[in-house]
Amino acid sequence: MISGGFMAADAQKKSTKLFHARMQVLRIEEWCVEAENAEEARALLVSGAGHRCTPGESLHVEFAQFIDD
């Protein structure tokens, strides 16, 4: 059951709207690949092979644009 005081507080809240935006994010991640040696591993990683081992850290975030509804 909701008390009258709780409903009054909700009615007094400002009406907000959800906005979507595109953000450019620079992230440093650790990637892994199986290879016979470092040279092969480098070539595989440069070609896009491998997978992310850790999600990494966001180093820089920049607003790009709002997405229109």
Protein backbone atom coordinates (compact mmCIF):
# COMPACT_ATOMS: atom_id res chain seq x y z
CA MET A 1 0.00 0.00 0.00
CA ILE A 2 1.36 3.45 -0.91
CA SER A 3 0.98 6.24 1.61
CA GLY A 4 -0.43 9.60 0.58
CA GLY A 5 2.83 11.36 1.49
CA PHE A 6 4.81 9.14 -0.88
CA MET A 7 2.44 9.89 -3.77
CA ALA A 8 2.63 13.63 -3.06
CA ALA A 9 6.43 13.50 -3.20
CA ASP A 10 6.28 11.66 -6.54
CA ALA A 11 3.89 14.25 -7.96
CA GLN A 12 6.33 17.03 -7.03
CA LYS A 13 9.26 15.41 -8.90
CA LYS A 14 10.36 17.18 -12.05
CA SER A 15 9.36 15.44 -15.24
CA THR A 16 12.47 14.09 -16.95
CA LYS A 17 13.05 12.72 -20.41
CA LEU A 18 15.55 10.10 -21.57
CA PHE A 19 18.07 11.35 -24.14
CA HIS A 20 20.30 9.13 -26.27
CA ALA A 21 23.68 10.20 -27.62
CA ARG A 22 26.60 8.78 -29.51
CA MET A 23 29.81 8.83 -27.51
CA GLN A 24 33.33 8.29 -28.75
CA VAL A 25 35.19 6.14 -26.21
CA LEU A 26 38.89 5.35 -26.16
CA ARG A 27 39.48 2.12 -24.28
CA ILE A 28 42.66 0.16 -23.73
CA GLU A 29 41.98 -3.59 -23.68
CA GLU A 30 44.09 -6.70 -23.27
CA TRP A 31 43.62 -9.18 -26.12
CA CYS A 32 44.79 -12.80 -26.30
CA VAL A 33 45.63 -15.08 -29.22
CA GLU A 34 47.17 -18.54 -29.41
CA ALA A 35 50.28 -18.72 -31.60
CA GLU A 36 53.57 -20.56 -31.91
CA ASN A 37 55.67 -17.44 -31.34
CA ALA A 38 55.45 -13.68 -30.75
CA GLU A 39 55.81 -12.84 -34.45
CA GLU A 40 52.85 -15.06 -35.37
CA ALA A 41 50.84 -13.66 -32.45
CA ARG A 42 51.50 -10.08 -33.60
CA ALA A 43 50.43 -10.92 -37.16
CA LEU A 44 47.24 -12.59 -35.94
CA LEU A 45 46.34 -9.68 -33.65
CA VAL A 46 47.01 -7.10 -36.38
CA SER A 47 44.67 -9.05 -38.70
CA GLY A 48 41.90 -8.94 -36.08
CA ALA A 49 42.24 -12.48 -34.74
CA GLY A 50 42.12 -13.23 -31.04
CA HIS A 51 39.71 -12.22 -28.33
CA ARG A 52 39.41 -9.74 -25.50
CA CYS A 53 40.88 -11.06 -22.24
CA THR A 54 39.89 -8.09 -20.06
CA PRO A 55 37.42 -5.27 -20.72
CA GLY A 56 40.04 -2.60 -20.01
CA GLU A 57 39.64 0.95 -18.85
CA SER A 58 37.95 3.93 -20.48
CA LEU A 59 40.68 6.52 -20.93
CA HIS A 60 38.73 9.19 -22.74
CA VAL A 61 35.03 9.76 -23.40
CA GLU A 62 33.79 12.48 -25.71
CA PHE A 63 30.25 13.51 -26.64
CA ALA A 64 29.65 13.07 -30.37
CA GLN A 65 26.00 13.89 -31.03
CA PHE A 66 22.44 13.44 -29.81
CA ILE A 67 20.44 10.73 -31.50
CA ASP A 68 17.14 12.22 -32.67
CA ASP A 69 13.96 10.32 -31.85
